[in-house]
Full PDB file with SEQRES, HELIX, SHEET, SSBOND, CRYST1, ORIGX, SCALE, CONECT and MASTER records, all heavy atoms in Angstrom:
SEQRES   1 A   30  THR SER GLY THR LEU VAL ALA VAL THR GLN LYS ALA GLY          
SEQRES   2 A   30  LEU ALA ASP LYS ASN GLY ASN MET PRO ARG LEU GLY ARG          
SEQRES   3 A   30  ALA LEU SER ALA                                              
HELIX    1 AA1 SER A    2  ALA A   12  1                                  11    
HELIX    2 AA2 LEU A   24  SER A   29  1                                   6    
CRYST1    1.000    1.000    1.000  90.00  90.00  90.00 P 1           1          
ORIGX1      1.000000  0.000000  0.000000        0.00000                         
ORIGX2      0.000000  1.000000  0.000000        0.00000                         
ORIGX3      0.000000  0.000000  1.000000        0.00000                         
SCALE1      1.000000  0.000000  0.000000        0.00000                         
SCALE2      0.000000  1.000000  0.000000        0.00000                         
SCALE3      0.000000  0.000000  1.000000        0.00000                         
ATOM      1  N   THR A   1       0.355  11.037  16.653  1.00  0.00           N  
ATOM      2  CA  THR A   1       0.406  11.106  18.108  1.00  0.00           C  
ATOM      3  C   THR A   1      -0.042  12.465  18.620  1.00  0.00           C  
ATOM      4  O   THR A   1      -0.833  12.555  19.568  1.00  0.00           O  
ATOM      5  CB  THR A   1       1.835  10.822  18.597  1.00  0.00           C  
ATOM      6  OG1 THR A   1       2.221   9.524  18.177  1.00  0.00           O  
ATOM      7  CG2 THR A   1       1.930  10.906  20.106  1.00  0.00           C  
ATOM      8  N   SER A   2       0.450  13.512  18.011  1.00  0.00           N  
ATOM      9  CA  SER A   2       0.110  14.860  18.455  1.00  0.00           C  
ATOM     10  C   SER A   2      -1.379  15.138  18.325  1.00  0.00           C  
ATOM     11  O   SER A   2      -2.009  15.672  19.246  1.00  0.00           O  
ATOM     12  CB  SER A   2       0.913  15.890  17.652  1.00  0.00           C  
ATOM     13  OG  SER A   2       2.294  15.668  17.784  1.00  0.00           O  
ATOM     14  N   GLY A   3      -1.945  14.769  17.174  1.00  0.00           N  
ATOM     15  CA  GLY A   3      -3.371  14.977  16.960  1.00  0.00           C  
ATOM     16  C   GLY A   3      -4.226  14.194  17.935  1.00  0.00           C  
ATOM     17  O   GLY A   3      -5.224  14.706  18.468  1.00  0.00           O  
ATOM     18  N   THR A   4      -3.832  12.952  18.187  1.00  0.00           N  
ATOM     19  CA  THR A   4      -4.567  12.116  19.126  1.00  0.00           C  
ATOM     20  C   THR A   4      -4.478  12.665  20.542  1.00  0.00           C  
ATOM     21  O   THR A   4      -5.469  12.706  21.274  1.00  0.00           O  
ATOM     22  CB  THR A   4      -4.026  10.671  19.092  1.00  0.00           C  
ATOM     23  OG1 THR A   4      -4.132  10.161  17.760  1.00  0.00           O  
ATOM     24  CG2 THR A   4      -4.815   9.775  20.037  1.00  0.00           C  
ATOM     25  N   LEU A   5      -3.279  13.093  20.949  1.00  0.00           N  
ATOM     26  CA  LEU A   5      -3.098  13.673  22.279  1.00  0.00           C  
ATOM     27  C   LEU A   5      -3.982  14.897  22.482  1.00  0.00           C  
ATOM     28  O   LEU A   5      -4.635  15.042  23.519  1.00  0.00           O  
ATOM     29  CB  LEU A   5      -1.635  14.048  22.494  1.00  0.00           C  
ATOM     30  CG  LEU A   5      -0.703  12.955  23.024  1.00  0.00           C  
ATOM     31  CD1 LEU A   5       0.743  13.396  22.927  1.00  0.00           C  
ATOM     32  CD2 LEU A   5      -1.048  12.611  24.467  1.00  0.00           C  
ATOM     33  N   VAL A   6      -4.000  15.760  21.495  1.00  0.00           N  
ATOM     34  CA  VAL A   6      -4.824  16.966  21.583  1.00  0.00           C  
ATOM     35  C   VAL A   6      -6.306  16.601  21.714  1.00  0.00           C  
ATOM     36  O   VAL A   6      -7.021  17.119  22.575  1.00  0.00           O  
ATOM     37  CB  VAL A   6      -4.591  17.872  20.355  1.00  0.00           C  
ATOM     38  CG1 VAL A   6      -5.626  18.992  20.318  1.00  0.00           C  
ATOM     39  CG2 VAL A   6      -3.191  18.451  20.374  1.00  0.00           C  
ATOM     40  N   ALA A   7      -6.759  15.686  20.847  1.00  0.00           N  
ATOM     41  CA  ALA A   7      -8.172  15.298  20.846  1.00  0.00           C  
ATOM     42  C   ALA A   7      -8.590  14.668  22.170  1.00  0.00           C  
ATOM     43  O   ALA A   7      -9.629  15.006  22.745  1.00  0.00           O  
ATOM     44  CB  ALA A   7      -8.445  14.333  19.689  1.00  0.00           C  
ATOM     45  N   VAL A   8      -7.775  13.741  22.675  1.00  0.00           N  
ATOM     46  CA  VAL A   8      -8.126  13.011  23.899  1.00  0.00           C  
ATOM     47  C   VAL A   8      -8.072  13.916  25.126  1.00  0.00           C  
ATOM     48  O   VAL A   8      -8.976  13.890  25.965  1.00  0.00           O  
ATOM     49  CB  VAL A   8      -7.200  11.783  24.088  1.00  0.00           C  
ATOM     50  CG1 VAL A   8      -7.445  11.122  25.443  1.00  0.00           C  
ATOM     51  CG2 VAL A   8      -7.435  10.778  22.973  1.00  0.00           C  
ATOM     52  N   THR A   9      -7.013  14.718  25.254  1.00  0.00           N  
ATOM     53  CA  THR A   9      -6.889  15.591  26.421  1.00  0.00           C  
ATOM     54  C   THR A   9      -7.972  16.653  26.457  1.00  0.00           C  
ATOM     55  O   THR A   9      -8.463  17.021  27.527  1.00  0.00           O  
ATOM     56  CB  THR A   9      -5.506  16.262  26.467  1.00  0.00           C  
ATOM     57  OG1 THR A   9      -5.228  16.906  25.209  1.00  0.00           O  
ATOM     58  CG2 THR A   9      -4.421  15.242  26.756  1.00  0.00           C  
ATOM     59  N   GLN A  10      -8.354  17.151  25.293  1.00  0.00           N  
ATOM     60  CA  GLN A  10      -9.447  18.123  25.241  1.00  0.00           C  
ATOM     61  C   GLN A  10     -10.763  17.480  25.643  1.00  0.00           C  
ATOM     62  O   GLN A  10     -11.552  18.067  26.390  1.00  0.00           O  
ATOM     63  CB  GLN A  10      -9.541  18.742  23.848  1.00  0.00           C  
ATOM     64  CG  GLN A  10      -8.416  19.725  23.540  1.00  0.00           C  
ATOM     65  CD  GLN A  10      -8.540  20.338  22.164  1.00  0.00           C  
ATOM     66  OE1 GLN A  10      -9.313  19.882  21.317  1.00  0.00           O  
ATOM     67  NE2 GLN A  10      -7.765  21.388  21.911  1.00  0.00           N  
ATOM     68  N   LYS A  11     -11.018  16.277  25.127  1.00  0.00           N  
ATOM     69  CA  LYS A  11     -12.237  15.552  25.473  1.00  0.00           C  
ATOM     70  C   LYS A  11     -12.297  15.244  26.963  1.00  0.00           C  
ATOM     71  O   LYS A  11     -13.358  15.345  27.589  1.00  0.00           O  
ATOM     72  CB  LYS A  11     -12.311  14.252  24.664  1.00  0.00           C  
ATOM     73  CG  LYS A  11     -13.544  13.392  24.940  1.00  0.00           C  
ATOM     74  CD  LYS A  11     -14.795  13.983  24.355  1.00  0.00           C  
ATOM     75  CE  LYS A  11     -15.988  13.035  24.514  1.00  0.00           C  
ATOM     76  NZ  LYS A  11     -17.247  13.623  24.006  1.00  0.00           N  
ATOM     77  N   ALA A  12     -11.156  14.911  27.556  1.00  0.00           N  
ATOM     78  CA  ALA A  12     -11.109  14.545  28.972  1.00  0.00           C  
ATOM     79  C   ALA A  12     -10.984  15.751  29.887  1.00  0.00           C  
ATOM     80  O   ALA A  12     -11.087  15.613  31.116  1.00  0.00           O  
ATOM     81  CB  ALA A  12      -9.936  13.594  29.219  1.00  0.00           C  
ATOM     82  N   GLY A  13     -10.761  16.929  29.317  1.00  0.00           N  
ATOM     83  CA  GLY A  13     -10.580  18.125  30.128  1.00  0.00           C  
ATOM     84  C   GLY A  13      -9.262  18.139  30.882  1.00  0.00           C  
ATOM     85  O   GLY A  13      -9.151  18.727  31.967  1.00  0.00           O  
ATOM     86  N   LEU A  14      -8.236  17.490  30.318  1.00  0.00           N  
ATOM     87  CA  LEU A  14      -6.936  17.385  30.979  1.00  0.00           C  
ATOM     88  C   LEU A  14      -5.985  18.514  30.597  1.00  0.00           C  
ATOM     89  O   LEU A  14      -4.956  18.701  31.242  1.00  0.00           O  
ATOM     90  CB  LEU A  14      -6.274  16.036  30.646  1.00  0.00           C  
ATOM     91  CG  LEU A  14      -7.050  14.785  31.095  1.00  0.00           C  
ATOM     92  CD1 LEU A  14      -6.375  13.531  30.571  1.00  0.00           C  
ATOM     93  CD2 LEU A  14      -7.152  14.744  32.612  1.00  0.00           C  
ATOM     94  N   ALA A  15      -6.297  19.257  29.542  1.00  0.00           N  
ATOM     95  CA  ALA A  15      -5.462  20.379  29.126  1.00  0.00           C  
ATOM     96  C   ALA A  15      -5.825  21.625  29.920  1.00  0.00           C  
ATOM     97  O   ALA A  15      -6.954  21.758  30.407  1.00  0.00           O  
ATOM     98  CB  ALA A  15      -5.615  20.619  27.629  1.00  0.00           C  
ATOM     99  N   ASP A  16      -4.851  22.545  30.045  1.00  0.00           N  
ATOM    100  CA  ASP A  16      -5.149  23.779  30.767  1.00  0.00           C  
ATOM    101  C   ASP A  16      -5.922  24.745  29.879  1.00  0.00           C  
ATOM    102  O   ASP A  16      -6.267  24.432  28.733  1.00  0.00           O  
ATOM    103  CB  ASP A  16      -3.863  24.419  31.303  1.00  0.00           C  
ATOM    104  CG  ASP A  16      -2.882  24.829  30.199  1.00  0.00           C  
ATOM    105  OD1 ASP A  16      -3.308  25.041  29.041  1.00  0.00           O  
ATOM    106  OD2 ASP A  16      -1.678  24.964  30.501  1.00  0.00           O  
ATOM    107  N   LYS A  17      -6.189  25.953  30.393  1.00  0.00           N  
ATOM    108  CA  LYS A  17      -7.023  26.902  29.661  1.00  0.00           C  
ATOM    109  C   LYS A  17      -6.390  27.379  28.352  1.00  0.00           C  
ATOM    110  O   LYS A  17      -7.086  27.852  27.451  1.00  0.00           O  
ATOM    111  CB  LYS A  17      -7.347  28.108  30.552  1.00  0.00           C  
ATOM    112  CG  LYS A  17      -6.116  28.897  31.024  1.00  0.00           C  
ATOM    113  CD  LYS A  17      -6.539  30.051  31.923  1.00  0.00           C  
ATOM    114  CE  LYS A  17      -5.309  30.849  32.386  1.00  0.00           C  
ATOM    115  NZ  LYS A  17      -5.716  31.971  33.285  1.00  0.00           N  
ATOM    116  N   ASN A  18      -5.074  27.256  28.263  1.00  0.00           N  
ATOM    117  CA  ASN A  18      -4.377  27.646  27.036  1.00  0.00           C  
ATOM    118  C   ASN A  18      -4.183  26.480  26.077  1.00  0.00           C  
ATOM    119  O   ASN A  18      -3.543  26.607  25.034  1.00  0.00           O  
ATOM    120  CB  ASN A  18      -3.017  28.249  27.383  1.00  0.00           C  
ATOM    121  CG  ASN A  18      -3.144  29.529  28.191  1.00  0.00           C  
ATOM    122  OD1 ASN A  18      -4.000  30.365  27.916  1.00  0.00           O  
ATOM    123  ND2 ASN A  18      -2.288  29.683  29.205  1.00  0.00           N  
ATOM    124  N   GLY A  19      -4.739  25.325  26.462  1.00  0.00           N  
ATOM    125  CA  GLY A  19      -4.616  24.142  25.627  1.00  0.00           C  
ATOM    126  C   GLY A  19      -3.339  23.361  25.826  1.00  0.00           C  
ATOM    127  O   GLY A  19      -3.079  22.386  25.113  1.00  0.00           O  
ATOM    128  N   ASN A  20      -2.526  23.774  26.797  1.00  0.00           N  
ATOM    129  CA  ASN A  20      -1.273  23.074  27.063  1.00  0.00           C  
ATOM    130  C   ASN A  20      -1.540  21.789  27.836  1.00  0.00           C  
ATOM    131  O   ASN A  20      -2.392  21.745  28.726  1.00  0.00           O  
ATOM    132  CB  ASN A  20      -0.315  23.971  27.850  1.00  0.00           C  
ATOM    133  CG  ASN A  20       0.058  25.224  27.073  1.00  0.00           C  
ATOM    134  OD1 ASN A  20       0.319  25.163  25.878  1.00  0.00           O  
ATOM    135  ND2 ASN A  20       0.091  26.369  27.752  1.00  0.00           N  
ATOM    136  N   MET A  21      -0.790  20.750  27.497  1.00  0.00           N  
ATOM    137  CA  MET A  21      -0.998  19.440  28.107  1.00  0.00           C  
ATOM    138  C   MET A  21       0.101  19.129  29.121  1.00  0.00           C  
ATOM    139  O   MET A  21       1.281  19.218  28.776  1.00  0.00           O  
ATOM    140  CB  MET A  21      -1.028  18.349  27.029  1.00  0.00           C  
ATOM    141  CG  MET A  21      -2.214  18.431  26.095  1.00  0.00           C  
ATOM    142  SD  MET A  21      -2.020  17.362  24.637  1.00  0.00           S  
ATOM    143  CE  MET A  21      -1.006  18.420  23.603  1.00  0.00           C  
ATOM    144  N   PRO A  22      -0.275  18.793  30.338  1.00  0.00           N  
ATOM    145  CA  PRO A  22       0.747  18.406  31.321  1.00  0.00           C  
ATOM    146  C   PRO A  22       1.387  17.073  30.947  1.00  0.00           C  
ATOM    147  O   PRO A  22       0.775  16.237  30.290  1.00  0.00           O  
ATOM    148  CB  PRO A  22      -0.048  18.289  32.629  1.00  0.00           C  
ATOM    149  CG  PRO A  22      -1.454  17.966  32.186  1.00  0.00           C  
ATOM    150  CD  PRO A  22      -1.641  18.704  30.882  1.00  0.00           C  
ATOM    151  N   ARG A  23       2.619  16.898  31.349  1.00  0.00           N  
ATOM    152  CA  ARG A  23       3.352  15.634  31.121  1.00  0.00           C  
ATOM    153  C   ARG A  23       3.409  15.253  29.637  1.00  0.00           C  
ATOM    154  O   ARG A  23       3.415  14.071  29.273  1.00  0.00           O  
ATOM    155  CB  ARG A  23       2.721  14.482  31.926  1.00  0.00           C  
ATOM    156  CG  ARG A  23       2.558  14.781  33.408  1.00  0.00           C  
ATOM    157  CD  ARG A  23       1.893  13.646  34.167  1.00  0.00           C  
ATOM    158  NE  ARG A  23       0.582  13.278  33.625  1.00  0.00           N  
ATOM    159  CZ  ARG A  23      -0.539  13.958  33.814  1.00  0.00           C  
ATOM    160  NH1 ARG A  23      -0.529  15.039  34.579  1.00  0.00           N  
ATOM    161  NH2 ARG A  23      -1.689  13.549  33.270  1.00  0.00           N  
ATOM    162  N   LEU A  24       3.435  16.267  28.765  1.00  0.00           N  
ATOM    163  CA  LEU A  24       3.449  16.017  27.327  1.00  0.00           C  
ATOM    164  C   LEU A  24       4.702  15.239  26.910  1.00  0.00           C  
ATOM    165  O   LEU A  24       4.630  14.316  26.091  1.00  0.00           O  
ATOM    166  CB  LEU A  24       3.373  17.342  26.561  1.00  0.00           C  
ATOM    167  CG  LEU A  24       3.435  17.251  25.022  1.00  0.00           C  
ATOM    168  CD1 LEU A  24       2.285  16.404  24.489  1.00  0.00           C  
ATOM    169  CD2 LEU A  24       3.405  18.641  24.405  1.00  0.00           C  
ATOM    170  N   GLY A  25       5.834  15.626  27.486  1.00  0.00           N  
ATOM    171  CA  GLY A  25       7.076  14.936  27.160  1.00  0.00           C  
ATOM    172  C   GLY A  25       7.014  13.455  27.481  1.00  0.00           C  
ATOM    173  O   GLY A  25       7.507  12.621  26.720  1.00  0.00           O  
ATOM    174  N   ARG A  26       6.411  13.127  28.618  1.00  0.00           N  
ATOM    175  CA  ARG A  26       6.292  11.721  29.014  1.00  0.00           C  
ATOM    176  C   ARG A  26       5.394  10.953  28.048  1.00  0.00           C  
ATOM    177  O   ARG A  26       5.683   9.803  27.692  1.00  0.00           O  
ATOM    178  CB  ARG A  26       5.732  11.612  30.437  1.00  0.00           C  
ATOM    179  CG  ARG A  26       6.708  12.070  31.516  1.00  0.00           C  
ATOM    180  CD  ARG A  26       6.200  11.690  32.892  1.00  0.00           C  
ATOM    181  NE  ARG A  26       7.143  12.033  33.940  1.00  0.00           N  
ATOM    182  CZ  ARG A  26       7.038  11.638  35.190  1.00  0.00           C  
ATOM    183  NH1 ARG A  26       6.015  10.865  35.561  1.00  0.00           N  
ATOM    184  NH2 ARG A  26       7.945  11.988  36.085  1.00  0.00           N  
ATOM    185  N   ALA A  27       4.296  11.589  27.639  1.00  0.00           N  
ATOM    186  CA  ALA A  27       3.364  10.938  26.707  1.00  0.00           C  
ATOM    187  C   ALA A  27       4.043  10.644  25.375  1.00  0.00           C  
ATOM    188  O   ALA A  27       3.888   9.550  24.808  1.00  0.00           O  
ATOM    189  CB  ALA A  27       2.136  11.826  26.493  1.00  0.00           C  
ATOM    190  N   LEU A  28       4.795  11.593  24.873  1.00  0.00           N  
ATOM    191  CA  LEU A  28       5.499  11.410  23.607  1.00  0.00           C  
ATOM    192  C   LEU A  28       6.608  10.366  23.730  1.00  0.00           C  
ATOM    193  O   LEU A  28       6.847   9.578  22.812  1.00  0.00           O  
ATOM    194  CB  LEU A  28       6.070  12.742  23.132  1.00  0.00           C  
ATOM    195  CG  LEU A  28       5.032  13.776  22.690  1.00  0.00           C  
ATOM    196  CD1 LEU A  28       5.676  15.137  22.524  1.00  0.00           C  
ATOM    197  CD2 LEU A  28       4.330  13.355  21.422  1.00  0.00           C  
ATOM    198  N   SER A  29       7.270  10.361  24.877  1.00  0.00           N  
ATOM    199  CA  SER A  29       8.311   9.364  25.116  1.00  0.00           C  
ATOM    200  C   SER A  29       7.722   7.956  25.197  1.00  0.00           C  
ATOM    201  O   SER A  29       8.335   6.988  24.752  1.00  0.00           O  
ATOM    202  CB  SER A  29       9.066   9.685  26.405  1.00  0.00           C  
ATOM    203  OG  SER A  29       9.707  10.944  26.314  1.00  0.00           O  
ATOM    204  N   ALA A  30       6.530   7.860  25.757  1.00  0.00           N  
ATOM    205  CA  ALA A  30       5.846   6.565  25.826  1.00  0.00           C  
ATOM    206  C   ALA A  30       5.564   6.036  24.433  1.00  0.00           C  
ATOM    207  O   ALA A  30       5.771   4.852  24.126  1.00  0.00           O  
ATOM    208  CB  ALA A  30       4.537   6.704  26.613  1.00  0.00           C  
TER     209      ALA A  30                                                      
MASTER        0    0    0    2    0    0    0    6  208    1    0    3          
END                                                                             
């Protein structure tokens, strides 16, 4: 899950400049 989240958010440009992902807790809970 973590690897996929990182790959997808980076590809979509959804992560911030530090690579942090918004709503990460919600994604993992899902």
